[in-house]
Amino acid sequence: MTDKRRVVMDAAGIERSLTRIAHEILEKNRGVEDLVLVGIRTRGVFLAQRLKKKISAIEGKEIPLGILDITLYRDDLATRQEKPQLGKTDIPFSLQNKKVVLVDDVLFTGRTIRAAMDALIDFGRPRMIQLAVLVDRGHRELPIRADFVGENLPSALWEDISVHLMEKDGEDCVIIEVGKEKHPGGNP
């Protein structure tokens, strides 16, 4: 049997979610004063760039954008089969006393976000760290929650949720995939 793929969010859905998240960020932070965005490599960076454009268009002001690579902060480095690929971290501004909105594509176990917060603290002491994600799929292993969520997509552990973005994948959509090798009993 072939894998089952289901598009659960199309390009228009992603756009609507990001517009809503941009407004929620501005409302919660009462504007852009001391606000910075930091995208987690890879797709979190593209989402942060889109949010920055939306926020700047709404407020008429530019806000700083940083890029964070968490590879060396992961807690599974020793157990990973593949060699980790290091990306560049670029945070060209001080995080001291800033309101940081950390941006990622999918919130799952919470381990990526824990690693990202550890990495951020190495750059300074923000006033607060908030989390914006396009998709929250549940199954947390750590007590982490998102402040801003595009879509809650409860999923089974044997399902994969993948975010495809134009900048990296040539299309905008969110897909749930079920493979028979992952499903209990081997049949989706």
N, C-alpha and C. Protein backbone atom coordinates (compact mmCIF):
# COMPACT_ATOMS: atom_id res chain seq x y z
N MET A 1 0.84 -1.19 0.00
CA MET A 1 0.00 0.00 0.00
C MET A 1 0.88 1.25 0.00
N THR A 2 0.48 2.24 -0.74
CA THR A 2 1.27 3.47 -0.81
C THR A 2 0.94 4.37 0.37
N ASP A 3 1.81 5.33 0.58
CA ASP A 3 1.60 6.29 1.66
C ASP A 3 0.35 7.11 1.40
N LYS A 4 -0.32 7.47 2.48
CA LYS A 4 -1.48 8.35 2.38
C LYS A 4 -1.01 9.76 2.69
N ARG A 5 -1.34 10.68 1.80
CA ARG A 5 -0.98 12.10 1.98
C ARG A 5 -2.27 12.90 1.95
N ARG A 6 -2.34 13.84 2.87
CA ARG A 6 -3.52 14.69 2.93
C ARG A 6 -3.08 16.12 3.18
N VAL A 7 -3.49 17.02 2.29
CA VAL A 7 -3.20 18.44 2.48
C VAL A 7 -4.20 18.97 3.50
N VAL A 8 -3.67 19.49 4.62
CA VAL A 8 -4.54 19.99 5.68
C VAL A 8 -4.55 21.52 5.76
N MET A 9 -3.63 22.14 5.04
CA MET A 9 -3.61 23.61 4.96
C MET A 9 -3.02 23.98 3.61
N ASP A 10 -3.74 24.79 2.86
CA ASP A 10 -3.24 25.23 1.55
C ASP A 10 -2.57 26.60 1.69
N ALA A 11 -2.14 27.15 0.58
CA ALA A 11 -1.44 28.44 0.59
C ALA A 11 -2.30 29.54 1.20
N ALA A 12 -3.57 29.57 0.86
CA ALA A 12 -4.46 30.60 1.41
C ALA A 12 -4.61 30.43 2.92
N GLY A 13 -4.68 29.19 3.39
CA GLY A 13 -4.78 28.92 4.83
C GLY A 13 -3.54 29.37 5.58
N ILE A 14 -2.38 29.12 4.99
CA ILE A 14 -1.13 29.57 5.60
C ILE A 14 -1.10 31.09 5.68
N GLU A 15 -1.49 31.75 4.60
CA GLU A 15 -1.50 33.21 4.56
C GLU A 15 -2.44 33.79 5.62
N ARG A 16 -3.64 33.22 5.73
CA ARG A 16 -4.60 33.69 6.74
C ARG A 16 -4.04 33.49 8.16
N SER A 17 -3.43 32.34 8.39
CA SER A 17 -2.87 32.05 9.71
C SER A 17 -1.77 33.03 10.06
N LEU A 18 -0.89 33.33 9.12
CA LEU A 18 0.21 34.26 9.39
C LEU A 18 -0.31 35.68 9.62
N THR A 19 -1.34 36.08 8.89
CA THR A 19 -1.95 37.40 9.10
C THR A 19 -2.53 37.48 10.51
N ARG A 20 -3.24 36.44 10.92
CA ARG A 20 -3.82 36.42 12.26
C ARG A 20 -2.74 36.43 13.33
N ILE A 21 -1.69 35.63 13.15
CA ILE A 21 -0.58 35.59 14.11
C ILE A 21 0.08 36.96 14.22
N ALA A 22 0.28 37.64 13.09
CA ALA A 22 0.90 38.98 13.12
C ALA A 22 0.07 39.93 13.97
N HIS A 23 -1.24 39.91 13.79
CA HIS A 23 -2.12 40.77 14.58
C HIS A 23 -2.10 40.38 16.05
N GLU A 24 -2.08 39.08 16.35
CA GLU A 24 -2.04 38.63 17.74
C GLU A 24 -0.73 39.05 18.42
N ILE A 25 0.38 38.96 17.69
CA ILE A 25 1.67 39.39 18.24
C ILE A 25 1.61 40.87 18.60
N LEU A 26 1.09 41.68 17.69
CA LEU A 26 1.00 43.12 17.94
C LEU A 26 0.06 43.42 19.10
N GLU A 27 -1.04 42.72 19.18
CA GLU A 27 -1.99 42.96 20.27
C GLU A 27 -1.37 42.58 21.61
N LYS A 28 -0.77 41.40 21.70
CA LYS A 28 -0.20 40.94 22.97
C LYS A 28 0.95 41.84 23.43
N ASN A 29 1.75 42.34 22.47
CA ASN A 29 2.92 43.14 22.80
C ASN A 29 2.66 44.65 22.74
N ARG A 30 1.42 45.02 22.46
CA ARG A 30 1.01 46.43 22.37
C ARG A 30 1.90 47.22 21.42
N GLY A 31 2.08 46.66 20.23
CA GLY A 31 2.89 47.32 19.23
C GLY A 31 4.24 46.64 19.05
N VAL A 32 5.21 47.40 18.53
CA VAL A 32 6.51 46.82 18.16
C VAL A 32 7.66 47.29 19.05
N GLU A 33 7.36 48.07 20.08
CA GLU A 33 8.42 48.57 20.97
C GLU A 33 9.18 47.40 21.61
N ASP A 34 10.50 47.34 21.40
CA ASP A 34 11.38 46.30 21.94
C ASP A 34 11.06 44.90 21.43
N LEU A 35 10.32 44.80 20.33
CA LEU A 35 9.93 43.51 19.77
C LEU A 35 10.93 43.07 18.71
N VAL A 36 11.35 41.82 18.77
CA VAL A 36 12.22 41.24 17.74
C VAL A 36 11.69 39.86 17.37
N LEU A 37 11.92 39.45 16.14
CA LEU A 37 11.56 38.11 15.67
C LEU A 37 12.84 37.32 15.48
N VAL A 38 12.81 36.04 15.86
CA VAL A 38 13.93 35.14 15.63
C VAL A 38 13.37 33.85 15.06
N GLY A 39 13.77 33.55 13.82
CA GLY A 39 13.31 32.33 13.15
C GLY A 39 14.28 31.20 13.37
N ILE A 40 13.74 30.01 13.65
CA ILE A 40 14.56 28.81 13.81
C ILE A 40 14.76 28.20 12.43
N ARG A 41 16.03 27.94 12.10
CA ARG A 41 16.34 27.31 10.82
C ARG A 41 15.60 26.01 10.68
N THR A 42 15.02 25.69 9.58
CA THR A 42 15.06 26.37 8.30
C THR A 42 13.73 27.08 8.04
N ARG A 43 12.65 26.35 8.15
CA ARG A 43 11.37 26.95 7.76
C ARG A 43 10.89 28.04 8.71
N GLY A 44 11.33 28.00 9.95
CA GLY A 44 10.98 29.06 10.90
C GLY A 44 11.51 30.41 10.44
N VAL A 45 12.63 30.40 9.74
CA VAL A 45 13.20 31.65 9.23
C VAL A 45 12.28 32.25 8.16
N PHE A 46 11.80 31.41 7.25
CA PHE A 46 10.91 31.92 6.20
C PHE A 46 9.60 32.43 6.79
N LEU A 47 9.08 31.74 7.78
CA LEU A 47 7.85 32.19 8.43
C LEU A 47 8.09 33.51 9.17
N ALA A 48 9.24 33.64 9.83
CA ALA A 48 9.58 34.89 10.53
C ALA A 48 9.71 36.04 9.54
N GLN A 49 10.29 35.79 8.37
CA GLN A 49 10.41 36.83 7.35
C GLN A 49 9.03 37.29 6.88
N ARG A 50 8.12 36.35 6.71
CA ARG A 50 6.76 36.70 6.29
C ARG A 50 6.05 37.49 7.39
N LEU A 51 6.22 37.05 8.64
CA LEU A 51 5.60 37.78 9.76
C LEU A 51 6.16 39.19 9.87
N LYS A 52 7.46 39.34 9.66
CA LYS A 52 8.09 40.66 9.71
C LYS A 52 7.45 41.60 8.68
N LYS A 53 7.24 41.11 7.46
CA LYS A 53 6.62 41.92 6.41
C LYS A 53 5.21 42.34 6.81
N LYS A 54 4.46 41.40 7.35
CA LYS A 54 3.08 41.69 7.74
C LYS A 54 3.05 42.70 8.89
N ILE A 55 3.87 42.49 9.90
CA ILE A 55 3.91 43.40 11.05
C ILE A 55 4.36 44.79 10.62
N SER A 56 5.38 44.85 9.77
CA SER A 56 5.87 46.15 9.29
C SER A 56 4.80 46.87 8.47
N ALA A 57 4.02 46.13 7.68
CA ALA A 57 2.96 46.75 6.88
C ALA A 57 1.85 47.29 7.78
N ILE A 58 1.54 46.56 8.85
CA ILE A 58 0.48 47.00 9.76
C ILE A 58 0.93 48.22 10.57
N GLU A 59 2.14 48.17 11.11
CA GLU A 59 2.62 49.20 12.03
C GLU A 59 3.36 50.34 11.34
N GLY A 60 3.82 50.12 10.11
CA GLY A 60 4.60 51.14 9.43
C GLY A 60 6.00 51.29 9.99
N LYS A 61 6.48 50.28 10.71
CA LYS A 61 7.83 50.30 11.30
C LYS A 61 8.49 48.95 11.06
N GLU A 62 9.80 49.00 10.85
CA GLU A 62 10.57 47.77 10.69
C GLU A 62 10.92 47.21 12.06
N ILE A 63 10.91 45.89 12.17
CA ILE A 63 11.37 45.26 13.41
C ILE A 63 12.54 44.34 13.08
N PRO A 64 13.46 44.17 14.03
CA PRO A 64 14.63 43.32 13.78
C PRO A 64 14.24 41.86 13.60
N LEU A 65 15.02 41.18 12.76
CA LEU A 65 14.81 39.75 12.49
C LEU A 65 16.13 39.03 12.63
N GLY A 66 16.15 37.98 13.42
CA GLY A 66 17.34 37.15 13.59
C GLY A 66 17.09 35.74 13.11
N ILE A 67 18.18 35.04 12.87
CA ILE A 67 18.14 33.65 12.41
C ILE A 67 18.91 32.81 13.43
N LEU A 68 18.29 31.70 13.85
CA LEU A 68 18.88 30.87 14.89
C LEU A 68 19.04 29.43 14.40
N ASP A 69 20.27 28.93 14.51
CA ASP A 69 20.54 27.51 14.25
C ASP A 69 20.72 26.84 15.60
N ILE A 70 19.96 25.78 15.84
CA ILE A 70 20.00 25.13 17.15
C ILE A 70 20.75 23.80 17.15
N THR A 71 21.39 23.47 16.06
CA THR A 71 22.01 22.16 15.90
C THR A 71 22.85 21.75 17.11
N LEU A 72 23.73 22.62 17.55
CA LEU A 72 24.64 22.25 18.64
C LEU A 72 23.96 22.25 20.01
N TYR A 73 22.71 22.69 20.08
CA TYR A 73 21.97 22.72 21.35
C TYR A 73 21.00 21.55 21.47
N ARG A 74 20.92 20.71 20.44
CA ARG A 74 19.97 19.58 20.46
C ARG A 74 20.39 18.56 21.51
N ASP A 75 19.42 17.91 22.12
CA ASP A 75 19.73 16.90 23.13
C ASP A 75 19.85 15.49 22.55
N ASP A 76 19.74 15.39 21.22
CA ASP A 76 19.85 14.07 20.59
C ASP A 76 21.06 13.95 19.65
N LEU A 77 22.01 14.85 19.79
CA LEU A 77 23.19 14.83 18.89
C LEU A 77 23.91 13.49 18.94
N ALA A 78 24.08 12.93 20.12
CA ALA A 78 24.84 11.67 20.26
C ALA A 78 24.09 10.48 19.69
N THR A 79 22.77 10.56 19.60
CA THR A 79 21.98 9.41 19.14
C THR A 79 21.57 9.51 17.67
N ARG A 80 21.82 10.63 17.03
CA ARG A 80 21.42 10.79 15.62
C ARG A 80 22.36 10.02 14.70
N GLN A 81 21.76 9.35 13.72
CA GLN A 81 22.53 8.56 12.77
C GLN A 81 23.27 9.45 11.77
N GLU A 82 22.56 10.46 11.25
CA GLU A 82 23.18 11.33 10.25
C GLU A 82 24.03 12.40 10.91
N LYS A 83 25.03 12.84 10.18
CA LYS A 83 25.90 13.90 10.67
C LYS A 83 25.14 15.22 10.67
N PRO A 84 25.17 15.96 11.78
CA PRO A 84 24.41 17.21 11.83
C PRO A 84 24.96 18.24 10.84
N GLN A 85 24.04 18.96 10.22
CA GLN A 85 24.41 20.03 9.29
C GLN A 85 24.28 21.35 10.02
N LEU A 86 25.39 22.03 10.20
CA LEU A 86 25.38 23.32 10.88
C LEU A 86 24.94 24.42 9.92
N GLY A 87 24.06 25.27 10.41
CA GLY A 87 23.65 26.45 9.66
C GLY A 87 24.17 27.67 10.39
N LYS A 88 23.99 28.80 9.79
CA LYS A 88 24.50 30.03 10.38
C LYS A 88 23.45 30.67 11.29
N THR A 89 23.89 31.05 12.47
CA THR A 89 23.06 31.88 13.34
C THR A 89 23.43 33.32 13.07
N ASP A 90 22.42 34.16 12.89
CA ASP A 90 22.66 35.57 12.62
C ASP A 90 21.66 36.40 13.43
N ILE A 91 22.12 36.88 14.57
CA ILE A 91 21.31 37.77 15.40
C ILE A 91 22.11 39.06 15.55
N PRO A 92 21.93 39.98 14.60
CA PRO A 92 22.75 41.19 14.54
C PRO A 92 22.26 42.33 15.44
N PHE A 93 21.66 42.00 16.56
CA PHE A 93 21.14 43.01 17.49
C PHE A 93 21.18 42.40 18.88
N SER A 94 21.12 43.24 19.88
CA SER A 94 21.13 42.79 21.26
C SER A 94 19.75 42.22 21.63
N LEU A 95 19.76 41.13 22.37
CA LEU A 95 18.52 40.56 22.89
C LEU A 95 18.21 41.08 24.29
N GLN A 96 19.15 41.83 24.84
CA GLN A 96 19.01 42.32 26.21
C GLN A 96 17.71 43.11 26.37
N ASN A 97 16.85 42.63 27.26
CA ASN A 97 15.59 43.29 27.61
C ASN A 97 14.60 43.40 26.45
N LYS A 98 14.75 42.55 25.43
CA LYS A 98 13.84 42.56 24.28
C LYS A 98 12.70 41.56 24.49
N LYS A 99 11.62 41.79 23.78
CA LYS A 99 10.52 40.83 23.71
C LYS A 99 10.78 40.02 22.44
N VAL A 100 11.23 38.79 22.62
CA VAL A 100 11.61 37.93 21.50
C VAL A 100 10.44 37.03 21.13
N VAL A 101 10.08 37.05 19.86
CA VAL A 101 9.11 36.07 19.34
C VAL A 101 9.92 35.07 18.54
N LEU A 102 10.00 33.87 19.08
CA LEU A 102 10.68 32.75 18.44
C LEU A 102 9.69 32.13 17.46
N VAL A 103 10.12 31.87 16.22
CA VAL A 103 9.20 31.40 15.18
C VAL A 103 9.68 30.05 14.65
N ASP A 104 8.76 29.08 14.59
CA ASP A 104 9.07 27.77 14.01
C ASP A 104 7.86 27.28 13.22
N ASP A 105 8.08 26.23 12.44
CA ASP A 105 6.98 25.72 11.62
C ASP A 105 6.06 24.78 12.39
N VAL A 106 6.61 23.75 13.06
CA VAL A 106 5.79 22.75 13.74
C VAL A 106 6.26 22.61 15.19
N LEU A 107 5.32 22.66 16.11
CA LEU A 107 5.60 22.36 17.51
C LEU A 107 5.15 20.93 17.77
N PHE A 108 6.08 20.10 18.23
CA PHE A 108 5.80 18.68 18.43
C PHE A 108 6.16 18.33 19.87
N THR A 109 7.32 17.79 20.11
CA THR A 109 7.70 17.35 21.46
C THR A 109 8.11 18.51 22.37
N GLY A 110 8.56 19.61 21.78
CA GLY A 110 9.03 20.75 22.54
C GLY A 110 10.55 20.80 22.66
N ARG A 111 11.22 19.75 22.21
CA ARG A 111 12.68 19.68 22.35
C ARG A 111 13.41 20.71 21.49
N THR A 112 12.92 20.98 20.30
CA THR A 112 13.52 22.00 19.45
C THR A 112 13.42 23.37 20.11
N ILE A 113 12.28 23.65 20.71
CA ILE A 113 12.08 24.96 21.34
C ILE A 113 12.96 25.08 22.58
N ARG A 114 13.11 24.01 23.34
CA ARG A 114 14.01 24.04 24.50
C ARG A 114 15.42 24.36 24.06
N ALA A 115 15.87 23.71 22.99
CA ALA A 115 17.21 23.98 22.45
C ALA A 115 17.32 25.43 21.97
N ALA A 116 16.27 25.93 21.34
CA ALA A 116 16.28 27.32 20.84
C ALA A 116 16.37 28.31 22.00
N MET A 117 15.65 28.04 23.07
CA MET A 117 15.72 28.96 24.22
C MET A 117 17.11 28.92 24.85
N ASP A 118 17.71 27.75 24.95
CA ASP A 118 19.08 27.66 25.45
C ASP A 118 20.03 28.49 24.59
N ALA A 119 19.87 28.37 23.27
CA ALA A 119 20.72 29.12 22.34
C ALA A 119 20.50 30.63 22.50
N LEU A 120 19.25 31.05 22.60
CA LEU A 120 18.95 32.48 22.74
C LEU A 120 19.59 33.08 23.98
N ILE A 121 19.56 32.36 25.08
CA ILE A 121 20.10 32.87 26.33
C ILE A 121 21.61 33.12 26.21
N ASP A 122 22.28 32.38 25.33
CA ASP A 122 23.70 32.63 25.09
C ASP A 122 23.95 33.99 24.43
N PHE A 123 22.90 34.59 23.86
CA PHE A 123 23.04 35.88 23.18
C PHE A 123 22.61 37.05 24.05
N GLY A 124 22.11 36.78 25.23
CA GLY A 124 21.67 37.85 26.11
C GLY A 124 20.49 37.41 26.94
N ARG A 125 19.96 38.37 27.69
CA ARG A 125 18.83 38.06 28.57
C ARG A 125 17.61 38.84 28.10
N PRO A 126 16.75 38.18 27.29
CA PRO A 126 15.53 38.86 26.84
C PRO A 126 14.59 39.13 28.01
N ARG A 127 13.76 40.14 27.85
CA ARG A 127 12.72 40.41 28.85
C ARG A 127 11.74 39.23 28.87
N MET A 128 11.40 38.72 27.68
CA MET A 128 10.51 37.57 27.57
C MET A 128 10.74 36.88 26.24
N ILE A 129 10.41 35.60 26.20
CA ILE A 129 10.45 34.83 24.96
C ILE A 129 9.04 34.30 24.73
N GLN A 130 8.51 34.60 23.56
CA GLN A 130 7.20 34.09 23.15
C GLN A 130 7.43 33.16 21.96
N LEU A 131 6.47 32.27 21.72
CA LEU A 131 6.62 31.29 20.65
C LEU A 131 5.46 31.39 19.68
N ALA A 132 5.80 31.50 18.39
CA ALA A 132 4.82 31.48 17.31
C ALA A 132 5.11 30.28 16.41
N VAL A 133 4.10 29.46 16.18
CA VAL A 133 4.26 28.30 15.30
C VAL A 133 3.11 28.25 14.31
N LEU A 134 3.40 27.74 13.13
CA LEU A 134 2.33 27.58 12.14
C LEU A 134 1.43 26.42 12.54
N VAL A 135 2.03 25.32 13.03
CA VAL A 135 1.27 24.11 13.37
C VAL A 135 1.67 23.61 14.75
N ASP A 136 0.68 23.32 15.58
CA ASP A 136 0.90 22.63 16.85
C ASP A 136 0.25 21.26 16.72
N ARG A 137 1.08 20.21 16.75
CA ARG A 137 0.55 18.86 16.54
C ARG A 137 0.39 18.06 17.82
N GLY A 138 0.75 18.65 18.96
CA GLY A 138 0.59 17.94 20.23
C GLY A 138 1.77 17.02 20.51
N HIS A 139 1.58 16.08 21.43
CA HIS A 139 2.58 15.08 21.83
C HIS A 139 3.79 15.69 22.52
N ARG A 140 3.56 16.64 23.40
CA ARG A 140 4.65 17.31 24.09
C ARG A 140 5.38 16.36 25.03
N GLU A 141 6.70 16.45 25.06
CA GLU A 141 7.55 15.74 26.01
C GLU A 141 8.11 16.69 27.06
N LEU A 142 8.01 17.98 26.80
CA LEU A 142 8.47 19.02 27.71
C LEU A 142 7.34 20.01 27.93
N PRO A 143 7.31 20.71 29.07
CA PRO A 143 6.21 21.64 29.35
C PRO A 143 6.36 22.95 28.59
N ILE A 144 6.14 22.89 27.28
CA ILE A 144 6.29 24.05 26.40
C ILE A 144 4.99 24.21 25.62
N ARG A 145 4.54 25.46 25.51
CA ARG A 145 3.34 25.74 24.72
C ARG A 145 3.61 26.97 23.86
N ALA A 146 2.87 27.05 22.78
CA ALA A 146 3.02 28.20 21.89
C ALA A 146 2.08 29.32 22.32
N ASP A 147 2.55 30.56 22.18
CA ASP A 147 1.73 31.74 22.45
C ASP A 147 0.84 32.07 21.25
N PHE A 148 1.35 31.77 20.05
CA PHE A 148 0.64 32.08 18.82
C PHE A 148 0.67 30.84 17.93
N VAL A 149 -0.51 30.35 17.53
CA VAL A 149 -0.61 29.11 16.75
C VAL A 149 -1.46 29.35 15.52
N GLY A 150 -0.92 28.96 14.37
CA GLY A 150 -1.70 29.06 13.14
C GLY A 150 -2.81 28.02 13.11
N GLU A 151 -2.48 26.77 13.41
CA GLU A 151 -3.45 25.67 13.34
C GLU A 151 -3.06 24.59 14.33
N ASN A 152 -4.02 24.16 15.14
CA ASN A 152 -3.82 22.99 15.99
C ASN A 152 -4.22 21.77 15.18
N LEU A 153 -3.26 20.85 14.98
CA LEU A 153 -3.52 19.64 14.21
C LEU A 153 -3.16 18.42 15.05
N PRO A 154 -4.07 17.99 15.93
CA PRO A 154 -3.78 16.78 16.70
C PRO A 154 -3.49 15.64 15.72
N SER A 155 -2.46 14.86 16.04
CA SER A 155 -2.02 13.83 15.10
C SER A 155 -1.61 12.58 15.86
N ALA A 156 -1.54 11.49 15.14
CA ALA A 156 -1.03 10.24 15.70
C ALA A 156 0.50 10.26 15.60
N LEU A 157 1.15 9.53 16.49
CA LEU A 157 2.61 9.50 16.46
C LEU A 157 3.16 8.91 15.16
N TRP A 158 2.42 8.07 14.49
CA TRP A 158 2.90 7.47 13.25
C TRP A 158 2.64 8.35 12.03
N GLU A 159 2.06 9.51 12.25
CA GLU A 159 1.85 10.45 11.16
C GLU A 159 2.99 11.46 11.13
N ASP A 160 3.32 11.90 9.94
CA ASP A 160 4.29 12.98 9.76
C ASP A 160 3.53 14.21 9.30
N ILE A 161 3.85 15.33 9.91
CA ILE A 161 3.29 16.61 9.45
C ILE A 161 4.44 17.40 8.86
N SER A 162 4.30 17.77 7.61
CA SER A 162 5.36 18.54 6.98
C SER A 162 4.81 19.85 6.42
N VAL A 163 5.56 20.91 6.70
CA VAL A 163 5.22 22.23 6.20
C VAL A 163 6.06 22.47 4.96
N HIS A 164 5.40 22.79 3.88
CA HIS A 164 6.09 23.12 2.63
C HIS A 164 5.92 24.61 2.41
N LEU A 165 7.04 25.29 2.19
CA LEU A 165 7.01 26.73 1.95
C LEU A 165 7.65 27.05 0.61
N MET A 166 7.09 28.02 -0.05
CA MET A 166 7.54 28.42 -1.40
C MET A 166 9.05 28.64 -1.44
N GLU A 167 9.60 29.30 -0.43
CA GLU A 167 11.01 29.66 -0.42
C GLU A 167 11.93 28.44 -0.45
N LYS A 168 11.49 27.32 0.09
CA LYS A 168 12.33 26.11 0.18
C LYS A 168 11.81 24.98 -0.70
N ASP A 169 10.48 24.85 -0.77
CA ASP A 169 9.87 23.67 -1.40
C ASP A 169 9.12 23.95 -2.69
N GLY A 170 8.99 25.23 -3.05
CA GLY A 170 8.30 25.58 -4.29
C GLY A 170 6.78 25.59 -4.18
N GLU A 171 6.24 25.39 -2.99
CA GLU A 171 4.79 25.44 -2.78
C GLU A 171 4.51 25.74 -1.31
N ASP A 172 3.32 26.27 -1.05
CA ASP A 172 2.88 26.53 0.32
C ASP A 172 1.75 25.56 0.66
N CYS A 173 2.00 24.67 1.61
CA CYS A 173 0.96 23.78 2.10
C CYS A 173 1.47 23.03 3.33
N VAL A 174 0.53 22.46 4.07
CA VAL A 174 0.86 21.59 5.19
C VAL A 174 0.24 20.24 4.88
N ILE A 175 1.06 19.19 5.01
CA ILE A 175 0.65 17.84 4.62
C ILE A 175 0.79 16.91 5.82
N ILE A 176 -0.22 16.05 5.99
CA ILE A 176 -0.11 14.92 6.93
C ILE A 176 0.10 13.68 6.08
N GLU A 177 1.12 12.92 6.43
CA GLU A 177 1.44 11.69 5.72
C GLU A 177 1.43 10.52 6.68
N VAL A 178 0.85 9.41 6.24
CA VAL A 178 0.87 8.18 7.03
C VAL A 178 1.55 7.12 6.19
N GLY A 179 2.65 6.59 6.71
CA GLY A 179 3.36 5.52 6.00
C GLY A 179 3.09 4.19 6.65
N LYS A 180 2.95 3.13 5.88
CA LYS A 180 2.64 1.83 6.46
C LYS A 180 3.73 1.32 7.37
N GLU A 181 4.99 1.74 7.12
CA GLU A 181 6.08 1.29 7.98
C GLU A 181 6.02 1.94 9.37
N LYS A 182 5.26 3.01 9.50
CA LYS A 182 5.16 3.69 10.79
C LYS A 182 3.90 3.31 11.55
N HIS A 183 2.87 2.91 10.83
CA HIS A 183 1.58 2.63 11.44
C HIS A 183 1.65 1.34 12.25
N PRO A 184 1.01 1.31 13.41
CA PRO A 184 0.98 0.07 14.19
C PRO A 184 0.35 -1.05 13.35
N GLY A 185 0.99 -2.18 13.31
CA GLY A 185 0.50 -3.29 12.52
C GLY A 185 0.89 -3.21 11.07
N GLY A 186 1.53 -2.12 10.65
CA GLY A 186 2.03 -2.00 9.28
C GLY A 186 1.01 -1.54 8.26
N ASN A 187 -0.26 -1.36 8.66
CA ASN A 187 -1.28 -0.93 7.69
C ASN A 187 -1.87 0.40 8.13
N PRO A 188 -1.84 1.40 7.25
CA PRO A 188 -2.45 2.68 7.59
C PRO A 188 -3.96 2.59 7.62
